Structures are given as structure tokens and as C-alpha cells.
C-alpha atoms as a PDB file:
ATOM      1  CA  MET A   1     -11.487  30.776 -29.173  1.00  0.00           C
ATOM      2  CA  ASN A   2     -10.315  27.178 -29.789  1.00  0.00           C
ATOM      3  CA  LYS A   3     -12.180  24.837 -32.126  1.00  0.00           C
ATOM      4  CA  LEU A   4     -13.837  22.717 -29.363  1.00  0.00           C
ATOM      5  CA  LYS A   5     -15.266  25.824 -27.683  1.00  0.00           C
ATOM      6  CA  GLN A   6     -16.509  27.118 -31.015  1.00  0.00           C
ATOM      7  CA  MET A   7     -18.220  23.837 -31.737  1.00  0.00           C
ATOM      8  CA  THR A   8     -19.888  23.856 -28.288  1.00  0.00           C
ATOM      9  CA  LEU A   9     -21.060  27.405 -28.780  1.00  0.00           C
ATOM     10  CA  PHE A  10     -22.528  26.585 -32.187  1.00  0.00           C
ATOM     11  CA  MET A  11     -24.307  23.496 -30.852  1.00  0.00           C
ATOM     12  CA  THR A  12     -25.762  25.646 -28.037  1.00  0.00           C
ATOM     13  CA  ILE A  13     -27.085  28.213 -30.565  1.00  0.00           C
ATOM     14  CA  VAL A  14     -28.781  25.483 -32.598  1.00  0.00           C
ATOM     15  CA  GLU A  15     -30.290  23.688 -29.580  1.00  0.00           C
ATOM     16  CA  THR A  16     -31.565  26.794 -27.830  1.00  0.00           C
ATOM     17  CA  GLY A  17     -33.049  28.166 -31.045  1.00  0.00           C
ATOM     18  CA  SER A  18     -31.543  31.658 -30.947  1.00  0.00           C
ATOM     19  CA  ILE A  19     -28.447  33.697 -30.156  1.00  0.00           C
ATOM     20  CA  THR A  20     -30.326  35.363 -27.303  1.00  0.00           C
ATOM     21  CA  LYS A  21     -31.193  32.098 -25.567  1.00  0.00           C
ATOM     22  CA  ALA A  22     -27.698  30.747 -26.175  1.00  0.00           C
ATOM     23  CA  ALA A  23     -26.221  33.856 -24.595  1.00  0.00           C
ATOM     24  CA  GLU A  24     -28.468  33.316 -21.515  1.00  0.00           C
ATOM     25  CA  LYS A  25     -27.494  29.677 -21.202  1.00  0.00           C
ATOM     26  CA  LEU A  26     -23.746  30.332 -21.592  1.00  0.00           C
ATOM     27  CA  GLU A  27     -23.957  33.497 -19.500  1.00  0.00           C
ATOM     28  CA  LEU A  28     -22.380  35.598 -22.243  1.00  0.00           C
ATOM     29  CA  SER A  29     -23.593  38.727 -24.020  1.00  0.00           C
ATOM     30  CA  LYS A  30     -25.467  38.476 -27.339  1.00  0.00           C
ATOM     31  CA  SER A  31     -22.742  40.501 -29.039  1.00  0.00           C
ATOM     32  CA  VAL A  32     -20.073  38.056 -27.910  1.00  0.00           C
ATOM     33  CA  ILE A  33     -22.067  35.077 -29.145  1.00  0.00           C
ATOM     34  CA  SER A  34     -22.764  36.764 -32.516  1.00  0.00           C
ATOM     35  CA  GLN A  35     -19.073  37.701 -32.894  1.00  0.00           C
ATOM     36  CA  HIS A  36     -17.936  34.091 -32.302  1.00  0.00           C
ATOM     37  CA  LEU A  37     -20.552  32.771 -34.721  1.00  0.00           C
ATOM     38  CA  LYS A  38     -19.378  35.167 -37.398  1.00  0.00           C
ATOM     39  CA  GLN A  39     -15.748  34.213 -36.738  1.00  0.00           C
ATOM     40  CA  LEU A  40     -16.633  30.516 -36.965  1.00  0.00           C
ATOM     41  CA  GLU A  41     -18.374  30.952 -40.333  1.00  0.00           C
ATOM     42  CA  HIS A  42     -15.499  33.089 -41.569  1.00  0.00           C
ATOM     43  CA  GLU A  43     -12.895  30.467 -40.615  1.00  0.00           C
ATOM     44  CA  LEU A  44     -14.947  27.665 -42.227  1.00  0.00           C
ATOM     45  CA  ALA A  45     -15.689  29.911 -45.228  1.00  0.00           C
ATOM     46  CA  ILE A  46     -19.270  28.648 -45.328  1.00  0.00           C
ATOM     47  CA  PRO A  47     -22.635  29.833 -43.875  1.00  0.00           C
ATOM     48  CA  LEU A  48     -23.961  27.551 -41.108  1.00  0.00           C
ATOM     49  CA  LEU A  49     -27.193  29.346 -40.153  1.00  0.00           C
ATOM     50  CA  LYS A  50     -29.857  31.240 -42.026  1.00  0.00           C
ATOM     51  CA  ARG A  51     -31.147  33.969 -39.704  1.00  0.00           C
ATOM     52  CA  THR A  52     -34.053  36.407 -39.844  1.00  0.00           C
ATOM     53  CA  THR A  53     -35.366  38.695 -37.126  1.00  0.00           C
ATOM     54  CA  ARG A  54     -37.854  36.034 -36.089  1.00  0.00           C
ATOM     55  CA  LYS A  55     -36.168  32.655 -36.585  1.00  0.00           C
ATOM     56  CA  GLN A  56     -33.054  30.742 -37.573  1.00  0.00           C
ATOM     57  CA  SER A  57     -32.520  27.556 -39.527  1.00  0.00           C
ATOM     58  CA  LEU A  58     -29.525  25.417 -40.493  1.00  0.00           C
ATOM     59  CA  THR A  59     -28.001  25.349 -43.910  1.00  0.00           C
ATOM     60  CA  ALA A  60     -27.172  21.916 -45.318  1.00  0.00           C
ATOM     61  CA  SER A  61     -23.535  22.373 -44.258  1.00  0.00           C
ATOM     62  CA  GLY A  62     -24.648  23.715 -40.945  1.00  0.00           C
ATOM     63  CA  GLU A  63     -26.793  20.614 -40.275  1.00  0.00           C
ATOM     64  CA  HIS A  64     -23.851  18.354 -41.072  1.00  0.00           C
ATOM     65  CA  PHE A  65     -21.554  20.370 -38.866  1.00  0.00           C
ATOM     66  CA  TYR A  66     -24.100  20.400 -36.066  1.00  0.00           C
ATOM     67  CA  LEU A  67     -24.311  16.589 -36.039  1.00  0.00           C
ATOM     68  CA  GLN A  68     -20.555  16.328 -35.821  1.00  0.00           C
ATOM     69  CA  CYS A  69     -20.569  18.890 -32.960  1.00  0.00           C
ATOM     70  CA  CYS A  70     -23.041  16.657 -31.155  1.00  0.00           C
ATOM     71  CA  GLU A  71     -20.776  13.644 -31.604  1.00  0.00           C
ATOM     72  CA  MET A  72     -17.841  15.655 -30.294  1.00  0.00           C
ATOM     73  CA  HIS A  73     -19.860  16.669 -27.265  1.00  0.00           C
ATOM     74  CA  LYS A  74     -20.874  13.046 -26.564  1.00  0.00           C
ATOM     75  CA  LEU A  75     -17.239  11.962 -26.692  1.00  0.00           C
ATOM     76  CA  ALA A  76     -16.243  14.766 -24.320  1.00  0.00           C
ATOM     77  CA  GLU A  77     -19.005  13.816 -21.875  1.00  0.00           C
ATOM     78  CA  LYS A  78     -17.940  10.153 -22.066  1.00  0.00           C
ATOM     79  CA  ALA A  79     -14.279  11.034 -21.436  1.00  0.00           C
ATOM     80  CA  TRP A  80     -15.320  13.097 -18.418  1.00  0.00           C
ATOM     81  CA  SER A  81     -17.580  10.356 -17.070  1.00  0.00           C
ATOM     82  CA  ASP A  82     -14.978   7.641 -17.628  1.00  0.00           C
ATOM     83  CA  ILE A  83     -12.235   9.472 -15.745  1.00  0.00           C
ATOM     84  CA  LEU A  84     -14.616  10.143 -12.837  1.00  0.00           C
ATOM     85  CA  HIS A  85     -15.545   6.450 -12.798  1.00  0.00           C
ATOM     86  CA  GLN A  86     -11.892   5.507 -12.596  1.00  0.00           C
ATOM     87  CA  GLN A  87     -11.690   7.404  -9.332  1.00  0.00           C
ATOM     88  CA  GLU A  88     -14.653   5.433  -8.002  1.00  0.00           C
ATOM     89  CA  SER A  89     -13.614   1.954  -9.136  1.00  0.00           C
ATOM     90  CA  PRO A  90     -10.023   0.829  -9.857  1.00  0.00           C
ATOM     91  CA  GLN A  91      -9.198  -0.306 -13.394  1.00  0.00           C
ATOM     92  CA  GLY A  92      -6.380  -0.566 -15.828  1.00  0.00           C
ATOM     93  CA  LYS A  93      -2.715  -1.597 -15.304  1.00  0.00           C
ATOM     94  CA  LEU A  94      -1.086  -1.176 -11.884  1.00  0.00           C
ATOM     95  CA  SER A  95       2.725  -1.495 -11.875  1.00  0.00           C
ATOM     96  CA  VAL A  96       4.336  -2.109  -8.510  1.00  0.00           C
ATOM     97  CA  THR A  97       7.960  -2.737  -7.620  1.00  0.00           C
ATOM     98  CA  ALA A  98       9.288  -3.994  -4.318  1.00  0.00           C
ATOM     99  CA  PRO A  99      12.358  -5.800  -2.907  1.00  0.00           C
ATOM    100  CA  HIS A 100      12.365  -9.570  -3.286  1.00  0.00           C
ATOM    101  CA  ALA A 101      11.962  -9.991   0.461  1.00  0.00           C
ATOM    102  CA  LEU A 102       8.728  -7.958   0.566  1.00  0.00           C
ATOM    103  CA  MET A 103       7.161  -8.881  -2.787  1.00  0.00           C
ATOM    104  CA  SER A 104       6.146 -12.476  -2.181  1.00  0.00           C
ATOM    105  CA  SER A 105       5.520 -12.295   1.598  1.00  0.00           C
ATOM    106  CA  ILE A 106       3.920  -8.849   2.007  1.00  0.00           C
ATOM    107  CA  VAL A 107       3.071  -7.125  -1.254  1.00  0.00           C
ATOM    108  CA  ILE A 108       1.407  -9.909  -3.249  1.00  0.00           C
ATOM    109  CA  PRO A 109      -0.841 -11.086  -0.352  1.00  0.00           C
ATOM    110  CA  ALA A 110      -1.771  -7.475   0.353  1.00  0.00           C
ATOM    111  CA  LEU A 111      -2.651  -6.776  -3.319  1.00  0.00           C
ATOM    112  CA  SER A 112      -4.571  -9.984  -3.574  1.00  0.00           C
ATOM    113  CA  SER A 113      -6.738  -8.963  -0.580  1.00  0.00           C
ATOM    114  CA  VAL A 114      -8.064  -5.897  -2.466  1.00  0.00           C
ATOM    115  CA  PHE A 115      -7.777  -6.638  -6.186  1.00  0.00           C
ATOM    116  CA  ASN A 116      -9.050 -10.199  -6.340  1.00  0.00           C
ATOM    117  CA  THR A 117     -12.542  -8.692  -6.572  1.00  0.00           C
ATOM    118  CA  HIS A 118     -11.550  -6.054  -9.124  1.00  0.00           C
ATOM    119  CA  LYS A 119     -10.868  -7.963 -12.341  1.00  0.00           C
ATOM    120  CA  GLU A 120     -10.566  -4.711 -14.252  1.00  0.00           C
ATOM    121  CA  VAL A 121      -7.139  -4.199 -12.676  1.00  0.00           C
ATOM    122  CA  GLY A 122      -4.141  -5.866 -14.317  1.00  0.00           C
ATOM    123  CA  LEU A 123      -1.077  -6.195 -12.011  1.00  0.00           C
ATOM    124  CA  ASN A 124       2.492  -5.749 -13.268  1.00  0.00           C
ATOM    125  CA  LEU A 125       4.822  -6.743 -10.417  1.00  0.00           C
ATOM    126  CA  ILE A 126       8.557  -6.195 -10.512  1.00  0.00           C
ATOM    127  CA  ALA A 127      10.657  -7.755  -7.667  1.00  0.00           C
ATOM    128  CA  HIS A 128      13.884  -5.724  -7.619  1.00  0.00           C
ATOM    129  CA  ASP A 129      16.245  -4.861  -4.756  1.00  0.00           C
ATOM    130  CA  GLY A 130      17.568  -1.751  -6.526  1.00  0.00           C
ATOM    131  CA  GLN A 131      15.833   1.656  -6.922  1.00  0.00           C
ATOM    132  CA  LEU A 132      14.286   1.628 -10.374  1.00  0.00           C
ATOM    133  CA  ASP A 133      13.435   4.842 -12.196  1.00  0.00           C
ATOM    134  CA  LEU A 134       9.639   4.960 -11.806  1.00  0.00           C
ATOM    135  CA  MET A 135       9.104   7.322 -14.729  1.00  0.00           C
ATOM    136  CA  GLN A 136      11.403   5.466 -17.137  1.00  0.00           C
ATOM    137  CA  GLU A 137      10.015   2.065 -16.192  1.00  0.00           C
ATOM    138  CA  GLU A 138       6.409   3.305 -16.063  1.00  0.00           C
ATOM    139  CA  ILE A 139       5.927   2.193 -12.458  1.00  0.00           C
ATOM    140  CA  ASP A 140       2.976   3.426 -10.437  1.00  0.00           C
ATOM    141  CA  LEU A 141       4.143   2.418  -6.999  1.00  0.00           C
ATOM    142  CA  ALA A 142       7.479   1.488  -5.362  1.00  0.00           C
ATOM    143  CA  ILE A 143       7.836  -0.107  -1.948  1.00  0.00           C
ATOM    144  CA  ARG A 144      11.289   0.527  -0.519  1.00  0.00           C
ATOM    145  CA  VAL A 145      13.148  -0.197   2.707  1.00  0.00           C
ATOM    146  CA  GLY A 146      14.836   2.926   3.961  1.00  0.00           C
ATOM    147  CA  GLU A 147      14.212   6.481   2.950  1.00  0.00           C
ATOM    148  CA  SER A 148      15.090   7.318  -0.676  1.00  0.00           C
ATOM    149  CA  LYS A 149      17.213  10.206  -1.828  1.00  0.00           C
ATOM    150  CA  LEU A 150      15.377  13.456  -2.613  1.00  0.00           C
ATOM    151  CA  SER A 151      13.421  13.403  -5.840  1.00  0.00           C
ATOM    152  CA  ASN A 152      10.150  14.542  -7.355  1.00  0.00           C
ATOM    153  CA  LEU A 153       8.511  11.359  -6.104  1.00  0.00           C
ATOM    154  CA  LYS A 154       5.931  11.432  -3.318  1.00  0.00           C
ATOM    155  CA  GLN A 155       7.127   9.396  -0.318  1.00  0.00           C
ATOM    156  CA  LYS A 156       5.136   8.038   2.588  1.00  0.00           C
ATOM    157  CA  ARG A 157       6.300   5.909   5.537  1.00  0.00           C
ATOM    158  CA  ILE A 158       3.954   2.909   5.743  1.00  0.00           C
ATOM    159  CA  GLY A 159       5.558   0.687   8.356  1.00  0.00           C
ATOM    160  CA  THR A 160       8.676  -1.033   9.579  1.00  0.00           C
ATOM    161  CA  ILE A 161      10.400  -4.384   9.220  1.00  0.00           C
ATOM    162  CA  GLN A 162      12.637  -6.088  11.731  1.00  0.00           C
ATOM    163  CA  ASP A 163      15.618  -8.228  10.702  1.00  0.00           C
ATOM    164  CA  VAL A 164      16.785 -11.313  12.591  1.00  0.00           C
ATOM    165  CA  LEU A 165      20.259 -12.912  12.792  1.00  0.00           C
ATOM    166  CA  CYS A 166      19.582 -16.598  12.421  1.00  0.00           C
ATOM    167  CA  ILE A 167      21.116 -19.957  11.680  1.00  0.00           C
ATOM    168  CA  ALA A 168      19.926 -23.478  10.885  1.00  0.00           C
ATOM    169  CA  LYS A 169      18.651 -25.419  13.910  1.00  0.00           C
ATOM    170  CA  GLY A 170      20.836 -28.329  12.923  1.00  0.00           C
ATOM    171  CA  TYR A 171      23.992 -26.233  12.789  1.00  0.00           C
ATOM    172  CA  PRO A 172      26.841 -27.587  15.017  1.00  0.00           C
ATOM    173  CA  GLU A 173      26.973 -26.106  18.504  1.00  0.00           C
ATOM    174  CA  PHE A 174      29.240 -23.049  18.962  1.00  0.00           C
ATOM    175  CA  ALA A 175      30.171 -20.655  21.765  1.00  0.00           C
ATOM    176  CA  ILE A 176      28.438 -17.269  21.662  1.00  0.00           C
ATOM    177  CA  ASP A 177      31.785 -15.545  22.126  1.00  0.00           C
ATOM    178  CA  SER A 178      32.967 -17.130  18.872  1.00  0.00           C
ATOM    179  CA  ILE A 179      29.969 -16.016  16.814  1.00  0.00           C
ATOM    180  CA  GLU A 180      32.043 -13.639  14.720  1.00  0.00           C
ATOM    181  CA  ALA A 181      34.105 -16.588  13.391  1.00  0.00           C
ATOM    182  CA  LEU A 182      31.025 -18.258  11.874  1.00  0.00           C
ATOM    183  CA  PRO A 183      30.664 -18.123   8.046  1.00  0.00           C
ATOM    184  CA  TYR A 184      28.345 -15.329   7.092  1.00  0.00           C
ATOM    185  CA  VAL A 185      25.743 -15.384   4.244  1.00  0.00           C
ATOM    186  CA  ALA A 186      25.705 -11.838   2.896  1.00  0.00           C
ATOM    187  CA  ASN A 187      23.130 -10.153   0.728  1.00  0.00           C
ATOM    188  CA  HIS A 188      24.423  -8.466  -2.443  1.00  0.00           C
ATOM    189  CA  TRP A 189      23.838  -4.992  -0.968  1.00  0.00           C
ATOM    190  CA  GLN A 190      26.115  -5.770   1.956  1.00  0.00           C
ATOM    191  CA  SER A 191      29.888  -5.246   1.770  1.00  0.00           C
ATOM    192  CA  LYS A 192      32.543  -7.869   2.388  1.00  0.00           C
ATOM    193  CA  GLN A 193      32.909  -6.674   5.968  1.00  0.00           C
ATOM    194  CA  ILE A 194      29.595  -6.560   7.837  1.00  0.00           C
ATOM    195  CA  SER A 195      28.845  -4.919  11.168  1.00  0.00           C
ATOM    196  CA  HIS A 196      25.591  -5.323  13.092  1.00  0.00           C
ATOM    197  CA  GLN A 197      24.533  -3.317  16.159  1.00  0.00           C
ATOM    198  CA  LEU A 198      22.027  -5.177  18.378  1.00  0.00           C
ATOM    199  CA  ILE A 199      20.113  -4.030  21.382  1.00  0.00           C
ATOM    200  CA  ASN A 200      19.469  -6.122  24.468  1.00  0.00           C
ATOM    201  CA  THR A 201      15.684  -6.298  24.854  1.00  0.00           C
ATOM    202  CA  THR A 202      15.974  -6.227  28.667  1.00  0.00           C
ATOM    203  CA  THR A 203      18.902  -3.965  29.590  1.00  0.00           C
ATOM    204  CA  LYS A 204      18.801  -1.901  26.349  1.00  0.00           C
ATOM    205  CA  ASN A 205      22.573  -2.264  26.186  1.00  0.00           C
ATOM    206  CA  THR A 206      24.051  -2.456  22.681  1.00  0.00           C
ATOM    207  CA  ARG A 207      26.393  -5.013  21.216  1.00  0.00           C
ATOM    208  CA  VAL A 208      28.295  -4.718  17.949  1.00  0.00           C
ATOM    209  CA  ILE A 209      29.075  -7.877  15.994  1.00  0.00           C
ATOM    210  CA  ASN A 210      31.404  -7.927  12.987  1.00  0.00           C
ATOM    211  CA  PHE A 211      31.513 -10.576  10.247  1.00  0.00           C
ATOM    212  CA  ILE A 212      33.455 -11.340   7.077  1.00  0.00           C
ATOM    213  CA  ALA A 213      31.209 -12.468   4.212  1.00  0.00           C
ATOM    214  CA  ALA A 214      31.828 -16.090   3.338  1.00  0.00           C
ATOM    215  CA  HIS A 215      28.953 -16.383   0.817  1.00  0.00           C
ATOM    216  CA  GLN A 216      26.992 -13.762  -1.120  1.00  0.00           C
ATOM    217  CA  VAL A 217      23.508 -13.996  -2.620  1.00  0.00           C
ATOM    218  CA  ASN A 218      21.313 -11.642  -4.681  1.00  0.00           C
ATOM    219  CA  THR A 219      17.889 -12.523  -3.230  1.00  0.00           C
ATOM    220  CA  VAL A 220      16.518 -13.142   0.207  1.00  0.00           C
ATOM    221  CA  GLN A 221      15.192 -16.530  -1.021  1.00  0.00           C
ATOM    222  CA  ASN A 222      18.764 -17.574  -1.787  1.00  0.00           C
ATOM    223  CA  SER A 223      19.937 -16.283   1.546  1.00  0.00           C
ATOM    224  CA  LEU A 224      17.189 -18.320   3.300  1.00  0.00           C
ATOM    225  CA  ALA A 225      18.132 -21.426   1.324  1.00  0.00           C
ATOM    226  CA  LEU A 226      21.853 -21.217   2.245  1.00  0.00           C
ATOM    227  CA  ILE A 227      21.108 -20.576   5.926  1.00  0.00           C
ATOM    228  CA  LYS A 228      18.633 -23.462   6.104  1.00  0.00           C
ATOM    229  CA  ASN A 229      21.146 -25.787   4.471  1.00  0.00           C
ATOM    230  CA  GLY A 230      23.841 -25.035   7.068  1.00  0.00           C
ATOM    231  CA  PHE A 231      26.079 -22.633   5.174  1.00  0.00           C
ATOM    232  CA  GLY A 232      26.300 -20.242   8.107  1.00  0.00           C
ATOM    233  CA  ILE A 233      24.700 -17.294   9.837  1.00  0.00           C
ATOM    234  CA  GLY A 234      22.702 -14.621   8.024  1.00  0.00           C
ATOM    235  CA  LEU A 235      20.154 -11.819   8.179  1.00  0.00           C
ATOM    236  CA  LEU A 236      16.507 -12.448   7.336  1.00  0.00           C
ATOM    237  CA  PRO A 237      13.352 -10.297   7.715  1.00  0.00           C
ATOM    238  CA  GLU A 238      11.460 -11.322  10.823  1.00  0.00           C
ATOM    239  CA  PHE A 239       8.310 -12.246   8.865  1.00  0.00           C
ATOM    240  CA  ILE A 240      10.318 -14.693   6.752  1.00  0.00           C
ATOM    241  CA  TYR A 241      12.120 -16.079   9.823  1.00  0.00           C
ATOM    242  CA  LEU A 242       8.800 -16.735  11.542  1.00  0.00           C
ATOM    243  CA  GLN A 243       7.594 -18.758   8.546  1.00  0.00           C
ATOM    244  CA  HIS A 244      10.581 -21.076   8.965  1.00  0.00           C
ATOM    245  CA  GLN A 245      11.030 -21.371  12.728  1.00  0.00           C
ATOM    246  CA  ASP A 246      10.928 -25.166  12.489  1.00  0.00           C
ATOM    247  CA  GLU A 247      14.236 -25.059  10.573  1.00  0.00           C
ATOM    248  CA  LEU A 248      15.842 -21.851  11.922  1.00  0.00           C
ATOM    249  CA  LYS A 249      16.759 -20.297  15.222  1.00  0.00           C
ATOM    250  CA  GLU A 250      17.825 -16.901  16.447  1.00  0.00           C
ATOM    251  CA  VAL A 251      21.546 -16.618  17.204  1.00  0.00           C
ATOM    252  CA  LEU A 252      21.050 -14.061  19.966  1.00  0.00           C
ATOM    253  CA  PRO A 253      17.413 -14.358  21.155  1.00  0.00           C
ATOM    254  CA  THR A 254      17.802 -11.712  23.908  1.00  0.00           C
ATOM    255  CA  PHE A 255      18.947  -9.150  21.377  1.00  0.00           C
ATOM    256  CA  GLU A 256      17.202  -7.412  18.493  1.00  0.00           C
ATOM    257  CA  MET A 257      18.225  -5.239  15.592  1.00  0.00           C
ATOM    258  CA  LYS A 258      16.916  -1.703  14.973  1.00  0.00           C
ATOM    259  CA  ALA A 259      13.775  -1.730  12.830  1.00  0.00           C
ATOM    260  CA  SER A 260      13.972  -0.366   9.315  1.00  0.00           C
ATOM    261  CA  ASN A 261      11.322   1.993   7.906  1.00  0.00           C
ATOM    262  CA  VAL A 262       9.352   1.020   4.825  1.00  0.00           C
ATOM    263  CA  TYR A 263       8.182   3.674   2.353  1.00  0.00           C
ATOM    264  CA  ALA A 264       5.694   3.853  -0.453  1.00  0.00           C
ATOM    265  CA  LEU A 265       6.754   6.085  -3.386  1.00  0.00           C
ATOM    266  CA  HIS A 266       4.761   7.164  -6.408  1.00  0.00           C
ATOM    267  CA  PRO A 267       5.139   9.781  -9.167  1.00  0.00           C
ATOM    268  CA  PHE A 268       1.637  11.329  -8.886  1.00  0.00           C
ATOM    269  CA  HIS A 269       1.103  14.933  -7.880  1.00  0.00           C
ATOM    270  CA  GLY A 270      -2.317  16.066  -6.769  1.00  0.00           C
ATOM    271  CA  GLN A 271      -4.988  13.359  -7.191  1.00  0.00           C
ATOM    272  CA  ILE A 272      -3.638   9.808  -6.765  1.00  0.00           C
ATOM    273  CA  PRO A 273      -5.288   7.030  -8.846  1.00  0.00           C
ATOM    274  CA  ILE A 274      -7.658   4.960  -6.701  1.00  0.00           C
ATOM    275  CA  SER A 275      -5.801   1.706  -7.510  1.00  0.00           C
ATOM    276  CA  VAL A 276      -2.556   3.204  -6.140  1.00  0.00           C
ATOM    277  CA  ARG A 277      -4.306   4.472  -3.014  1.00  0.00           C
ATOM    278  CA  MET A 278      -5.840   1.024  -2.441  1.00  0.00           C
ATOM    279  CA  ALA A 279      -2.508  -0.682  -2.941  1.00  0.00           C
ATOM    280  CA  ILE A 280      -0.707   1.620  -0.447  1.00  0.00           C
ATOM    281  CA  ASP A 281      -3.415   1.127   2.169  1.00  0.00           C
ATOM    282  CA  ALA A 282      -3.383  -2.651   1.794  1.00  0.00           C
ATOM    283  CA  ILE A 283       0.432  -2.912   2.014  1.00  0.00           C
ATOM    284  CA  GLU A 284       0.439  -0.575   5.003  1.00  0.00           C
ATOM    285  CA  SER A 285      -2.112  -2.795   6.784  1.00  0.00           C
ATOM    286  CA  ALA A 286      -0.095  -5.945   5.973  1.00  0.00           C
ATOM    287  CA  LEU A 287       3.030  -4.380   7.428  1.00  0.00           C
ATOM    288  CA  ALA A 288       1.141  -3.455  10.598  1.00  0.00           C
END
């Protein structure tokens, strides 16, 4: 029997007043209780109880040991209570990573909607367009566009985002047939040669457009800035495009790109911390 169980057993013997009553409370036989008590006193090399056929009393060492057993039991009860409370009310640090495009426009407003009233939660937000190692970086939740490669992480589809090919409203007029000759503002994850397949919203016919990257950026904010300042055509998430419609316009308004799935990933198996569950639900609602 491990030490914590031995201490609990001894505390029960003292508090019930006899081995018989302790056996009843613990649903064990008297012989088992007696054997464990003898083993405990043997391992400690000191008597803890003075026993007669009618009563028992603590030795001086036994009284000291009993008080320490009580302290241990209180700590165990508190640890149990605290962890249950954490499943009822979010608290502690919550680390979330998401692409730059989603972090400021979707993730932060969503997290604010649920955690502004939970001051016990400390947010650690990491905007990153790559796929960080959640275990190595101690990240609780990752929001990613597109399904991730197989891993031990739990993965849930929480929505979609639509991209829009757009250009500055003040950009010089051009013929639609010459669109592929326009300078293209590429994101860092795109190659030098870019190909987009668009679907006509009315006829459902597809159209493929090819570009050569003229400029390259590493964040969607930089892409937005270059497009707004007339550097060429580029791809922006629809929710960002809609925020800047006074300065941008769609290049092919009768066409749309295929929507991309958004996933929530976390490293927890079994019970998920309530703060992570709340974050996923909030971000899923924001995407909807």
C-alpha cells in the first residue's frame, strides 16, 4: 500500500475510534485493516496506537502523525475541489495560435466576447501563419485554415472562410481579358507562379486565372496595404475585404473562389479544459 493510502487508513482508524468501525467505513475486513496498521508501524519503526480489548489511544508520535495525516487529507480534498472548479469556471493561462488573417479579425473579437467577464483567464495569443508544434510551444488551441497532416492532435472543423480577388478602387482601368498581366501581390505561402480557379456564381462554370508574383508579403495586413496603395491585384479573406469596401473592389464580381475549411486543433485527450471549449465555441460562432 502506498504512503498516502496508509495515512488515510490510519486517520480513519483514529477518527472512527476502532479498527472494527474503520473496517466498516472503508468496506474492508478487520484483518486487512490490522495488517496494514502493523505494516505502517513497522515501516515507521514506532508505535502509533495503544490498544486494549476495549479502547485505543494515540501515542505522542501517533498524535503528531495523525495531525499530519489530517493536513495531507485537507490538501488532497482541496486539490480535488480545485480541479473540479476549473471545469466549472475558466481560469489560468490560455495559449491560442492562429494565422495573422484570422487572429485580429476573428479570434480576438471571439475570445473577448467570452473572456472579458472571466478575469481569471490570462490570454497568450500567437499570430503565426505556420504550423507551430503545440506541445513544444505549450499551446492549448490552434486555429488553422485547411486540414492538418495526421498527428496526435484532436481536430475539429469549425467553419469556412472565402477569399476574394481584389484591387484598389483607384487602380487604372484594365480589360478583363488582360487580368493575368496585372502585377500580383503574393502571400509568402504562395509560389512565384499562382493559379486560381473561380466558379461563376450563376452558371457554375469554372475559370482558371494564372499570375506571376510581382510582390510578396508575409502577413495579410501587408498584402492589404499593398493592394490598397495600388501595387496590383491580390487575395484577401472576404471578412477583411468587406471591412475595406470603400477602398477595394472585386476584380471578377460574378465569380467566387472555393471556400476553405477552418479547423480547431488541441492536444487534449478525454476531458477538454473549459477555457479551450469556450474558445472553440466562440470562434466557431464568429466564423458562422
